Structures are given as C-alpha cells and as structure tokens.
Amino acid sequence: MKLHFHETGSGPPVVLLHGMLGSHHNLLPVAQGLSHRFKVLALDQRNHGASPHFDELDYEVLAADLARFIQTHGLGPVHLLGHSMGGKAAMRFAQLFPDQLRKLIVVDMSPRAQPARYHYLLDALRNLDPALFTHRKDVDAALTAAIPDQSIRQFLLKNLGRDSAGRLTWKPNIAALHANYDQLRAGLPTEPGFCGPTLFIRGERSDYLRAEDWPLIQTIFPRARLETIPHAGHWVHAEAFEPFMQVIRQFLEASGEG
C-alpha cells in the first residue's frame, strides 16, 4: 500500500485526510495555509484520487493504512486533521494508535452512525460509464437528472480522469465505495480513544455533528472541545476558509495544549 500524497512546508508533521469522493486536492488550500509552520502531508486515502484500489474499505483498514504511512515516512507522532469520512477515519486511528498522535482535529463529523445521504450519488456514478463520453461537460449533462444540484456535480466531476488510452474514467473505486457504503456511515466503537488535545469543528448550518453527540464524543475523547464556524455548512474549510484556518492555527500552535 503506497498512498499518494502531496507534501509542503517544514516543521512538525500534520497529516490531512479528505472526505468520501474527495482527494488530497480538496485540502490543498489548508495545507498551504499551514506550511509556514508545519510539514503538511495531504493524502489520497485508499480507493480515492491516485491511491491504490482495494475491495476492502472500512475505518479499520483506513486507520491501518495511515499507521503504515506514518511508519514508512518516519513521521513519528503527528497532528491529524480529517474532514467528513476523513474525520471518522482520524477518530478510529486515534482509538487504535493514540501514541502516534500529537493533536487531533475532526471537521464536521461525529462518531455516531450517519444517515444514508449519498446512496443516490454512488448509484448515479456506478450507473454511468464515463468512457462513453468525450468531454467532461457531456458527463455533467448525463448526471443532471440523477444529481440536479450543480455544485454537487462539479465536486463529483473533479473525480474524472483519463486512462492510458485517453478515455474518461472515474479515479475513485466507485464499486468499492458503493459496496462498503453502509460500513462507512456506521458508528464507531465507543471504546476510549485519544486523551490528548482534540478539536471538533462543525459548520453552523450542518447536521453532521449535533449537540446530542457531545456526550459520546467526550466519552471517547475526554479532552475534546468544540468550535462552531458561523454561516458554514458541511464543507467548512471551503465555505469559511479564513475563520476555519484561524481556529486550526490557534489550536495547532498553542503549546499549552500539547
């Protein structure tokens, strides 16, 4: 397993984990914004971006992938930030490998089970063969009936690539994501996790992390605190970039928290 990643900056290591159907590209502005003080490594998780494809996909294997990555690159304990699915992978890593963490940041995700929000997206992608089209705009048009929201389609179209013959293809392993989706939206075990500094960030307009989740979060992460970013939804780092960066910089740079 050789995860694809982008590295920038120098200093203490920070690892960034994207959400489902995303890639390291989604977090490049965050990486750049931290590179003045940290060595930042933005990963493509398995079955996403340019990383390898496997049938197996759950939070146990995502956490194990990250542990091997940290060991392979000699990073030692790292700061870890994960958004959405990446946030849940980060939480599971914190439960299984707490000694490999300095500080943990979870962006708009709870350890509880999530509703089946994205079945329709995965169905639409699985049922469309991009190789039948020549241009990105044609794929966009073909997805419109199943996915009317243009902003969601634009996000998904970032997953288009071309194979060695020049044909359009999906970069993520859509079959594995579809087959394992129920595991990806399942709740995490309630066993104790990381006892170090932990920050949960939620968007004010998002319901991925609710007030009623907080007792569960504090059971797993006893030093967790919560920041709510006003006027932001689930894509907090994209919708309110500067307030988001201010919060995570203050947390990572605060010596008293680690």
Protein backbone atom coordinates (compact mmCIF):
# COMPACT_ATOMS: atom_id res chain seq x y z
CA MET A 1 0.00 0.00 0.00
CA LYS A 2 1.59 3.22 -1.19
CA LEU A 3 -0.78 6.10 -0.58
CA HIS A 4 -0.45 9.04 -2.93
CA PHE A 5 0.18 12.33 -1.13
CA HIS A 6 1.18 15.95 -1.53
CA GLU A 7 3.80 17.41 0.82
CA THR A 8 4.53 21.06 1.53
CA GLY A 9 6.25 23.14 4.22
CA SER A 10 8.57 22.14 7.04
CA GLY A 11 8.24 21.66 10.77
CA PRO A 12 6.17 19.29 12.91
CA PRO A 13 4.16 16.91 10.69
CA VAL A 14 0.46 17.48 10.02
CA VAL A 15 -1.50 14.84 8.07
CA LEU A 16 -4.72 15.78 6.25
CA LEU A 17 -7.49 13.29 5.35
CA HIS A 18 -10.20 14.16 2.83
CA GLY A 19 -13.83 13.04 2.78
CA MET A 20 -15.65 10.45 0.65
CA LEU A 21 -15.35 11.01 -3.11
CA GLY A 22 -12.71 13.63 -2.40
CA SER A 23 -8.94 13.65 -2.71
CA HIS A 24 -5.93 15.49 -1.36
CA HIS A 25 -6.76 18.32 -3.78
CA ASN A 26 -9.72 19.33 -1.60
CA LEU A 27 -7.37 20.17 1.26
CA LEU A 28 -4.50 21.81 -0.63
CA PRO A 29 -5.53 25.33 0.48
CA VAL A 30 -5.43 24.11 4.10
CA ALA A 31 -2.02 22.53 3.51
CA GLN A 32 -0.69 25.75 2.01
CA GLY A 33 -2.15 27.76 4.88
CA LEU A 34 -0.24 25.65 7.43
CA SER A 35 3.01 25.26 5.52
CA HIS A 36 4.67 28.27 7.18
CA ARG A 37 4.94 26.37 10.45
CA PHE A 38 4.40 22.70 9.64
CA LYS A 39 5.32 19.93 7.24
CA VAL A 40 1.89 19.11 5.80
CA LEU A 41 1.08 15.84 4.06
CA ALA A 42 -2.31 15.70 2.31
CA LEU A 43 -3.17 12.09 1.50
CA ASP A 44 -5.36 10.32 -1.02
CA GLN A 45 -6.97 7.57 1.05
CA ARG A 46 -7.37 4.11 -0.47
CA ASN A 47 -9.89 3.94 -3.34
CA HIS A 48 -9.61 7.71 -3.85
CA GLY A 49 -7.50 10.01 -6.02
CA ALA A 50 -4.27 8.41 -7.19
CA SER A 51 -4.04 5.86 -4.36
CA PRO A 52 -4.48 2.10 -4.92
CA HIS A 53 -7.85 0.40 -5.23
CA PHE A 54 -8.93 -2.47 -2.96
CA ASP A 55 -12.25 -4.21 -2.35
CA GLU A 56 -11.87 -3.83 1.43
CA LEU A 57 -12.92 -0.46 2.80
CA ASP A 58 -13.81 0.42 6.37
CA TYR A 59 -12.37 2.52 9.17
CA GLU A 60 -10.18 -0.30 10.46
CA VAL A 61 -8.28 -0.52 7.17
CA LEU A 62 -8.18 3.27 6.71
CA ALA A 63 -6.63 3.62 10.17
CA ALA A 64 -4.14 0.83 9.43
CA ASP A 65 -3.22 2.47 6.11
CA LEU A 66 -2.44 5.69 7.95
CA ALA A 67 -0.39 3.91 10.61
CA ARG A 68 1.75 2.28 7.88
CA PHE A 69 2.13 5.62 6.10
CA ILE A 70 3.38 7.32 9.27
CA GLN A 71 5.81 4.48 9.94
CA THR A 72 7.05 4.30 6.33
CA HIS A 73 7.78 8.01 6.20
CA GLY A 74 9.30 8.15 9.68
CA LEU A 75 6.92 10.85 10.85
CA GLY A 76 6.59 9.84 14.48
CA PRO A 77 3.61 11.30 16.37
CA VAL A 78 1.68 13.61 14.05
CA HIS A 79 -1.01 16.23 14.17
CA LEU A 80 -4.00 14.80 12.31
CA LEU A 81 -6.90 16.60 10.63
CA GLY A 82 -9.75 14.80 8.90
CA HIS A 83 -12.91 16.07 7.22
CA SER A 84 -16.14 14.06 6.98
CA MET A 85 -15.17 10.43 6.16
CA GLY A 86 -11.59 11.50 6.79
CA GLY A 87 -12.69 12.78 10.20
CA LYS A 88 -14.15 9.42 11.09
CA ALA A 89 -11.00 7.68 9.84
CA ALA A 90 -8.98 10.05 12.01
CA MET A 91 -11.13 9.21 15.04
CA ARG A 92 -10.67 5.48 14.50
CA PHE A 93 -6.92 5.98 14.10
CA ALA A 94 -6.93 7.89 17.39
CA GLN A 95 -8.65 4.96 19.09
CA LEU A 96 -6.29 2.34 17.67
CA PHE A 97 -2.98 4.25 17.58
CA PRO A 98 -3.17 7.02 20.20
CA ASP A 99 0.60 7.00 20.74
CA GLN A 100 1.04 8.14 17.12
CA LEU A 101 -0.87 11.38 17.68
CA ARG A 102 0.05 14.81 18.97
CA LYS A 103 -3.23 16.63 18.36
CA LEU A 104 -6.45 15.60 16.62
CA ILE A 105 -8.80 17.80 14.58
CA VAL A 106 -12.13 16.38 13.37
CA VAL A 107 -14.01 18.55 10.87
CA ASP A 108 -17.79 18.25 10.74
CA MET A 109 -18.15 14.60 11.66
CA SER A 110 -19.43 12.65 14.65
CA PRO A 111 -18.56 9.11 15.79
CA ARG A 112 -22.25 8.17 15.60
CA ALA A 113 -23.83 6.49 12.58
CA GLN A 114 -24.84 8.82 9.76
CA PRO A 115 -27.94 8.56 7.58
CA ALA A 116 -27.61 7.22 4.05
CA ARG A 117 -27.07 10.64 2.50
CA TYR A 118 -25.02 9.59 -0.51
CA HIS A 119 -26.55 6.37 -1.81
CA TYR A 120 -28.07 8.28 -4.72
CA LEU A 121 -24.69 9.78 -5.66
CA LEU A 122 -22.93 6.43 -5.63
CA ASP A 123 -25.79 4.87 -7.60
CA ALA A 124 -25.54 7.62 -10.21
CA LEU A 125 -21.77 7.25 -10.56
CA ARG A 126 -21.92 3.46 -10.66
CA ASN A 127 -24.58 3.54 -13.38
CA LEU A 128 -22.66 5.92 -15.65
CA ASP A 129 -19.65 4.80 -17.67
CA PRO A 130 -17.61 7.94 -18.38
CA ALA A 131 -15.70 6.13 -21.14
CA LEU A 132 -18.82 6.52 -23.28
CA PHE A 133 -18.30 10.30 -23.33
CA THR A 134 -15.64 12.50 -24.85
CA HIS A 135 -15.88 15.64 -22.77
CA ARG A 136 -16.41 16.47 -19.11
CA LYS A 137 -19.43 18.63 -19.98
CA ASP A 138 -21.12 15.60 -21.53
CA VAL A 139 -20.69 13.62 -18.29
CA ASP A 140 -22.09 16.61 -16.41
CA ALA A 141 -25.16 16.66 -18.63
CA ALA A 142 -25.66 12.91 -18.23
CA LEU A 143 -25.62 13.22 -14.43
CA THR A 144 -28.06 16.13 -14.27
CA ALA A 145 -31.26 14.09 -13.96
CA ALA A 146 -29.94 11.99 -11.06
CA ILE A 147 -28.00 14.83 -9.41
CA PRO A 148 -29.78 18.16 -10.06
CA ASP A 149 -27.52 20.20 -7.75
CA GLN A 150 -24.83 21.73 -9.95
CA SER A 151 -22.40 22.35 -7.08
CA ILE A 152 -22.51 18.67 -6.13
CA ARG A 153 -21.96 17.65 -9.75
CA GLN A 154 -18.97 19.97 -10.02
CA PHE A 155 -17.49 18.38 -6.90
CA LEU A 156 -18.03 14.89 -8.30
CA LEU A 157 -16.60 15.79 -11.71
CA LYS A 158 -13.27 16.51 -10.03
CA ASN A 159 -13.04 12.71 -9.80
CA LEU A 160 -12.84 12.33 -13.59
CA GLY A 161 -9.53 11.27 -15.07
CA ARG A 162 -8.30 9.57 -18.23
CA ASP A 163 -6.91 6.08 -18.59
CA SER A 164 -3.81 5.11 -20.60
CA ALA A 165 -5.92 5.09 -23.78
CA GLY A 166 -7.18 8.61 -23.13
CA ARG A 167 -10.72 7.56 -22.19
CA LEU A 168 -12.57 9.26 -19.38
CA THR A 169 -12.72 7.22 -16.18
CA TRP A 170 -13.60 7.64 -12.51
CA LYS A 171 -10.48 7.95 -10.35
CA PRO A 172 -12.17 6.61 -7.17
CA ASN A 173 -13.08 2.94 -6.83
CA ILE A 174 -16.81 3.51 -7.18
CA ALA A 175 -17.62 -0.21 -6.88
CA ALA A 176 -15.83 -0.50 -3.52
CA LEU A 177 -17.38 2.73 -2.21
CA HIS A 178 -20.85 1.53 -3.19
CA ALA A 179 -20.34 -1.95 -1.72
CA ASN A 180 -18.95 -0.64 1.56
CA TYR A 181 -21.03 2.50 1.98
CA ASP A 182 -23.00 1.15 4.94
CA GLN A 183 -19.74 0.49 6.79
CA LEU A 184 -18.51 4.00 6.03
CA ARG A 185 -21.62 5.60 7.51
CA ALA A 186 -21.75 3.26 10.53
CA GLY A 187 -20.93 4.47 14.02
CA LEU A 188 -17.54 3.91 15.58
CA PRO A 189 -16.97 1.69 18.62
CA THR A 190 -17.48 3.60 21.86
CA GLU A 191 -14.21 2.38 23.35
CA PRO A 192 -11.88 5.02 24.86
CA GLY A 193 -9.71 6.80 22.35
CA PHE A 194 -7.19 9.60 22.36
CA CYS A 195 -6.66 11.50 25.62
CA GLY A 196 -4.60 14.29 24.08
CA PRO A 197 -5.72 17.69 22.76
CA THR A 198 -8.70 17.25 20.44
CA LEU A 199 -10.68 19.81 18.48
CA PHE A 200 -14.03 19.20 16.80
CA ILE A 201 -15.12 21.81 14.27
CA ARG A 202 -18.62 21.99 12.85
CA GLY A 203 -20.40 24.21 10.38
CA GLU A 204 -23.30 26.16 11.86
CA ARG A 205 -25.60 25.03 9.02
CA SER A 206 -24.53 21.37 9.09
CA ASP A 207 -26.19 18.49 10.94
CA TYR A 208 -23.32 16.01 10.71
CA LEU A 209 -22.25 16.89 14.26
CA ARG A 210 -25.14 17.62 16.62
CA ALA A 211 -25.32 18.88 20.18
CA GLU A 212 -26.64 15.49 21.33
CA ASP A 213 -23.43 13.85 20.01
CA TRP A 214 -21.26 15.65 22.53
CA PRO A 215 -21.58 13.21 25.48
CA LEU A 216 -20.48 10.36 23.19
CA ILE A 217 -17.57 12.42 21.86
CA GLN A 218 -16.39 13.26 25.37
CA THR A 219 -16.55 9.59 26.34
CA ILE A 220 -14.10 8.72 23.55
CA PHE A 221 -12.09 11.97 23.57
CA PRO A 222 -12.08 13.38 27.11
CA ARG A 223 -10.07 16.49 26.18
CA ALA A 224 -12.24 17.40 23.21
CA ARG A 225 -13.53 20.90 22.68
CA LEU A 226 -15.89 22.23 20.03
CA GLU A 227 -15.75 25.21 17.69
CA THR A 228 -18.72 26.17 15.50
CA ILE A 229 -17.97 28.17 12.35
CA PRO A 230 -20.81 30.63 11.59
CA HIS A 231 -22.54 30.64 8.20
CA ALA A 232 -20.82 27.43 7.09
CA GLY A 233 -22.20 24.05 6.11
CA HIS A 234 -20.52 20.66 5.87
CA TRP A 235 -17.67 21.95 3.68
CA VAL A 236 -16.45 24.23 6.45
CA HIS A 237 -12.92 24.68 5.12
CA ALA A 238 -14.21 25.73 1.69
CA GLU A 239 -17.18 27.84 2.79
CA ALA A 240 -15.46 29.78 5.59
CA PHE A 241 -11.77 29.35 4.85
CA GLU A 242 -10.29 32.21 6.86
CA PRO A 243 -12.27 31.61 10.09
CA PHE A 244 -11.53 27.90 9.73
CA MET A 245 -7.80 28.48 9.30
CA GLN A 246 -7.70 30.84 12.26
CA VAL A 247 -9.26 28.21 14.51
CA ILE A 248 -6.94 25.38 13.45
CA ARG A 249 -3.80 27.54 13.53
CA GLN A 250 -4.57 28.65 17.07
CA PHE A 251 -5.16 25.07 18.13
CA LEU A 252 -2.05 23.61 16.48
CA GLU A 253 0.25 26.44 17.55
CA ALA A 254 -0.93 26.58 21.18
CA SER A 255 1.92 24.99 23.14
CA GLY A 256 -0.22 24.72 26.27
CA GLU A 257 -2.49 22.16 24.57
CA GLY A 258 0.15 19.62 23.75
